[in-house]
Each structure stands twice: as C-alpha cells, then as structure tokens.
Amino acid sequence: MENIGLIGAGTMGKPIGANLLTAGYTLLVVVHRNQTPIDDLVDRGAKEMESYDEIVSEADVVILNLPSSIEVEEVIYSPGNLLEALSNGKIVIDMGTSDPSSTIKIAEDLAKRGVDMLDSPVSGGEVGATEGTLSVMVGGKRKVFEQMLPLLQVIGSTINYIGGHGIISMEYIVLGWFVKYMSHFAYSKVSRVAYLLRD
C-alpha cells in the first residue's frame, strides 16, 4: 500500500507527511483549513487533490491528523464526506486524541462499508513528528496494525499495539483525571504544611 491520503497537514500532519514522502510513499493531500502547508508538501512531491472523493479514489490508506473528535466527525460525516467516498478494502488511521465513544462509532460505521480503522494517537510534539520519533499507541484489529506497521514506523520510533477501538483515548482521559486529582491532592498537602509552619 503505497498511496497515502493525508487530511490535516498542520503542526503534526505536515512533518508526518514529509517523512512519508522521504520514505517513498505517494502522498495525496487536500486542504482542510490552511493552504500553506499543502503547498509546502506539494513542493516536496505530494499530489494535491480537490476533494475527499479524489483522495479516496487513489489512496489505499487515509490518515486523519486533526485536533479533536469534532473535526474528525466533520470530515467523516459532513456533506461530501469521507464515509460516503470510502470503499471496501480501504484503511483509515486517526492520529488524533479523540473521544472514545466517537472513535468506536466511527469505526463501526466504517466497518459497515468494509473499511478498517486504526485509532493511533501520537505524542512527542512537532520535534518528534519532524524527526520521525513519535510515540504511537494503536487500537483496532491486530492484523490491520501489523499490515500498517511499516508505515507507522516511518512516523514514530515507539509503536505499541493496545487493543480495541477507543481504549487508548479512554486511557488518556483516565490519566488526565488521575493527574488532576494528584495535583489537587499534592496542593492540599502543601497548603496544610504551610499552614502548620506559618508561625
């Protein structure tokens, strides 16, 4: 699978796209918000498409690198959407940190059209995206993960298969709650000590 569609060529998406081009993949791009990064990728060898239909007609794999579930659902479900354009045998990789219930619903809706999905949020920031050293956690079918592993290894240096859809996003949510709780807990303890030592 050499033809890769990219939707979302922002801070993370643009360097990811550049690394895929360097690795020899054919990169198909379409404007989502901003034309400038699209032009930069075209200058590096990407092919600009006019619509989601055009991307899907040529791409074997479509990567979504969007800020949240809101943007992902917009691309998947809005008029002229990706869901209608995708056909049997295609693969969608969502690299954002999305709401787990949204991820599960999208995966189910794509499956009805014979389309596989991996939810693969990344961490490591713009530097990691540029250097190809992102950490990638992957949810979805193991066989699809194994099929996409060479592509994911272009994007990141640490790739971990976690399990089913939505699990990773739920782990992020739980971790966020834990960190918030521990921060409040630590603050309350420090405040108590400061109160006792005030004299």
Protein backbone atom coordinates (compact mmCIF):
# COMPACT_ATOMS: atom_id res chain seq x y z
CA MET A 1 0.00 0.00 0.00
CA GLU A 2 2.00 2.92 -1.32
CA ASN A 3 -0.66 5.62 -1.84
CA ILE A 4 -1.37 7.54 1.36
CA GLY A 5 -4.01 10.25 1.73
CA LEU A 6 -3.42 12.89 4.40
CA ILE A 7 -6.17 15.08 5.83
CA GLY A 8 -4.85 17.56 8.37
CA ALA A 9 -1.44 18.96 7.43
CA GLY A 10 -0.94 21.16 10.46
CA THR A 11 1.79 21.26 13.09
CA MET A 12 1.98 17.48 13.32
CA GLY A 13 0.50 16.44 9.99
CA LYS A 14 2.85 18.37 7.77
CA PRO A 15 6.11 16.83 9.09
CA ILE A 16 4.45 13.39 9.18
CA GLY A 17 3.58 13.86 5.52
CA ALA A 18 7.12 14.99 4.72
CA ASN A 19 8.56 11.86 6.34
CA LEU A 20 6.20 9.64 4.36
CA LEU A 21 7.39 11.30 1.15
CA THR A 22 11.02 10.78 2.16
CA ALA A 23 10.26 7.11 2.80
CA GLY A 24 8.98 6.73 -0.76
CA TYR A 25 5.21 6.77 -0.25
CA THR A 26 2.97 8.60 -2.70
CA LEU A 27 1.27 11.31 -0.64
CA LEU A 28 -2.12 12.71 -1.59
CA VAL A 29 -3.21 15.88 0.22
CA VAL A 30 -6.30 18.06 0.33
CA VAL A 31 -6.89 21.40 2.02
CA HIS A 32 -8.70 21.12 5.36
CA ARG A 33 -8.06 24.54 6.88
CA ASN A 34 -4.85 26.08 5.57
CA GLN A 35 -3.36 26.08 2.07
CA THR A 36 0.23 26.93 3.07
CA PRO A 37 1.32 23.52 4.46
CA ILE A 38 -0.34 21.85 1.47
CA ASP A 39 1.78 23.97 -0.87
CA ASP A 40 4.90 23.05 1.13
CA LEU A 41 4.14 19.33 0.82
CA VAL A 42 3.37 19.67 -2.88
CA ASP A 43 6.78 21.31 -3.31
CA ARG A 44 8.27 18.17 -1.71
CA GLY A 45 6.43 15.89 -4.11
CA ALA A 46 2.91 15.43 -2.74
CA LYS A 47 -0.07 15.46 -5.07
CA GLU A 48 -2.83 17.92 -4.24
CA MET A 49 -6.38 16.66 -4.67
CA GLU A 50 -9.54 18.74 -4.94
CA SER A 51 -11.85 16.72 -2.71
CA TYR A 52 -12.17 13.76 -0.37
CA ASP A 53 -13.60 11.78 -3.28
CA GLU A 54 -10.39 12.32 -5.24
CA ILE A 55 -8.16 11.36 -2.31
CA VAL A 56 -10.11 8.19 -1.63
CA SER A 57 -10.18 7.20 -5.30
CA GLU A 58 -6.38 6.91 -5.31
CA ALA A 59 -5.38 6.34 -1.67
CA ASP A 60 -5.10 2.91 -0.09
CA VAL A 61 -4.78 4.46 3.37
CA VAL A 62 -6.20 7.75 4.64
CA ILE A 63 -4.51 9.39 7.64
CA LEU A 64 -6.51 11.87 9.70
CA ASN A 65 -4.37 14.23 11.75
CA LEU A 66 -6.99 16.51 13.24
CA PRO A 67 -7.29 18.29 16.60
CA SER A 68 -10.31 16.51 18.09
CA SER A 69 -13.36 14.33 17.52
CA ILE A 70 -15.29 17.39 16.33
CA GLU A 71 -13.06 17.80 13.29
CA VAL A 72 -12.86 14.05 12.68
CA GLU A 73 -16.65 13.72 12.71
CA GLU A 74 -16.91 16.72 10.39
CA VAL A 75 -14.65 15.03 7.86
CA ILE A 76 -16.34 11.65 8.25
CA TYR A 77 -20.00 12.72 8.29
CA SER A 78 -20.48 16.20 6.78
CA PRO A 79 -21.86 16.69 3.21
CA GLY A 80 -19.37 15.38 0.65
CA ASN A 81 -17.92 13.35 3.46
CA LEU A 82 -15.26 10.70 3.70
CA LEU A 83 -17.68 7.97 4.79
CA GLU A 84 -19.60 8.13 1.53
CA ALA A 85 -16.42 8.15 -0.54
CA LEU A 86 -14.63 5.24 1.16
CA SER A 87 -14.99 1.76 -0.26
CA ASN A 88 -14.21 -1.82 0.69
CA GLY A 89 -10.56 -2.54 1.46
CA LYS A 90 -9.51 0.99 2.39
CA ILE A 91 -7.91 1.79 5.77
CA VAL A 92 -8.38 4.93 7.88
CA ILE A 93 -5.83 5.89 10.55
CA ASP A 94 -6.98 8.52 13.05
CA MET A 95 -3.88 10.02 14.67
CA GLY A 96 -5.71 12.50 16.90
CA THR A 97 -6.72 12.03 20.52
CA SER A 98 -10.45 11.56 20.07
CA ASP A 99 -13.40 10.89 22.32
CA PRO A 100 -13.60 7.10 22.80
CA SER A 101 -17.35 6.87 22.10
CA SER A 102 -16.87 8.83 18.87
CA THR A 103 -13.95 6.61 17.85
CA ILE A 104 -15.98 3.44 18.41
CA LYS A 105 -18.97 4.79 16.44
CA ILE A 106 -16.81 5.88 13.51
CA ALA A 107 -15.02 2.51 13.45
CA GLU A 108 -18.37 0.71 13.40
CA ASP A 109 -19.76 2.92 10.62
CA LEU A 110 -16.61 2.45 8.54
CA ALA A 111 -16.74 -1.32 9.08
CA LYS A 112 -20.21 -1.38 7.51
CA ARG A 113 -18.56 -0.19 4.29
CA GLY A 114 -15.74 -2.73 4.56
CA VAL A 115 -13.27 -0.10 5.73
CA ASP A 116 -10.84 -0.83 8.58
CA MET A 117 -9.76 1.82 11.05
CA LEU A 118 -6.90 2.25 13.48
CA ASP A 119 -7.10 4.88 16.21
CA SER A 120 -3.48 5.85 16.68
CA PRO A 121 -2.91 8.94 18.81
CA VAL A 122 0.65 10.20 18.87
CA SER A 123 2.82 12.04 21.38
CA GLY A 124 6.17 13.73 21.02
CA GLY A 125 5.22 17.11 19.62
CA GLU A 126 6.38 18.86 16.47
CA VAL A 127 10.00 17.85 17.06
CA GLY A 128 9.05 14.17 17.28
CA ALA A 129 6.89 14.48 14.18
CA THR A 130 9.75 16.13 12.26
CA GLU A 131 12.35 13.59 13.38
CA GLY A 132 10.04 10.58 13.00
CA THR A 133 10.41 9.70 16.67
CA LEU A 134 6.82 9.99 17.84
CA SER A 135 5.30 7.53 20.28
CA VAL A 136 2.29 5.86 18.66
CA MET A 137 -0.34 3.84 20.51
CA VAL A 138 -2.60 1.84 18.22
CA GLY A 139 -6.11 0.48 18.66
CA GLY A 140 -8.03 -1.68 16.20
CA LYS A 141 -7.64 -5.10 14.62
CA ARG A 142 -4.22 -6.63 15.22
CA LYS A 143 -3.94 -7.83 11.63
CA VAL A 144 -4.54 -4.28 10.38
CA PHE A 145 -1.96 -2.98 12.86
CA GLU A 146 0.59 -5.49 11.57
CA GLN A 147 -0.24 -4.53 8.00
CA MET A 148 0.28 -0.83 8.78
CA LEU A 149 3.36 -1.28 10.98
CA PRO A 150 5.94 -0.34 8.31
CA LEU A 151 4.08 2.92 7.69
CA LEU A 152 3.77 3.65 11.41
CA GLN A 153 7.49 3.03 11.85
CA VAL A 154 8.15 5.93 9.46
CA ILE A 155 6.10 8.17 11.74
CA GLY A 156 7.32 7.02 15.14
CA SER A 157 10.10 5.18 16.90
CA THR A 158 7.93 3.68 19.66
CA ILE A 159 4.89 1.80 18.38
CA ASN A 160 2.59 -0.04 20.79
CA TYR A 161 -0.50 -2.08 19.96
CA ILE A 162 -3.03 -1.58 22.78
CA GLY A 163 -6.17 -3.45 21.73
CA GLY A 164 -9.65 -2.49 20.56
CA HIS A 165 -11.03 0.84 19.42
CA GLY A 166 -11.42 3.63 21.96
CA ILE A 167 -9.23 2.05 24.64
CA ILE A 168 -6.35 4.47 24.12
CA SER A 169 -8.49 7.60 24.29
CA MET A 170 -10.11 6.28 27.47
CA GLU A 171 -6.64 5.73 28.95
CA TYR A 172 -5.77 9.35 28.19
CA ILE A 173 -8.96 10.52 29.90
CA VAL A 174 -8.32 8.39 33.00
CA LEU A 175 -4.71 9.55 33.12
CA GLY A 176 -5.87 13.15 32.88
CA TRP A 177 -8.27 12.63 35.78
CA PHE A 178 -5.52 10.97 37.81
CA VAL A 179 -3.02 13.77 37.20
CA LYS A 180 -5.63 16.39 38.05
CA TYR A 181 -6.57 14.54 41.26
CA MET A 182 -2.94 14.10 42.31
CA SER A 183 -2.24 17.77 41.61
CA HIS A 184 -5.12 18.83 43.85
CA PHE A 185 -4.06 16.29 46.47
CA ALA A 186 -0.46 17.50 46.47
CA TYR A 187 -1.57 21.13 46.61
CA SER A 188 -3.82 20.45 49.59
CA LYS A 189 -0.97 18.70 51.45
CA VAL A 190 1.49 21.52 50.73
CA SER A 191 -1.07 24.09 51.80
CA ARG A 192 -1.66 22.19 55.04
CA VAL A 193 2.08 22.04 55.80
CA ALA A 194 2.45 25.72 55.00
CA TYR A 195 -0.44 26.50 57.36
CA LEU A 196 1.14 24.48 60.19
CA LEU A 197 4.52 26.17 59.67
CA ARG A 198 3.18 29.69 59.25
CA ASP A 199 4.42 30.72 62.71
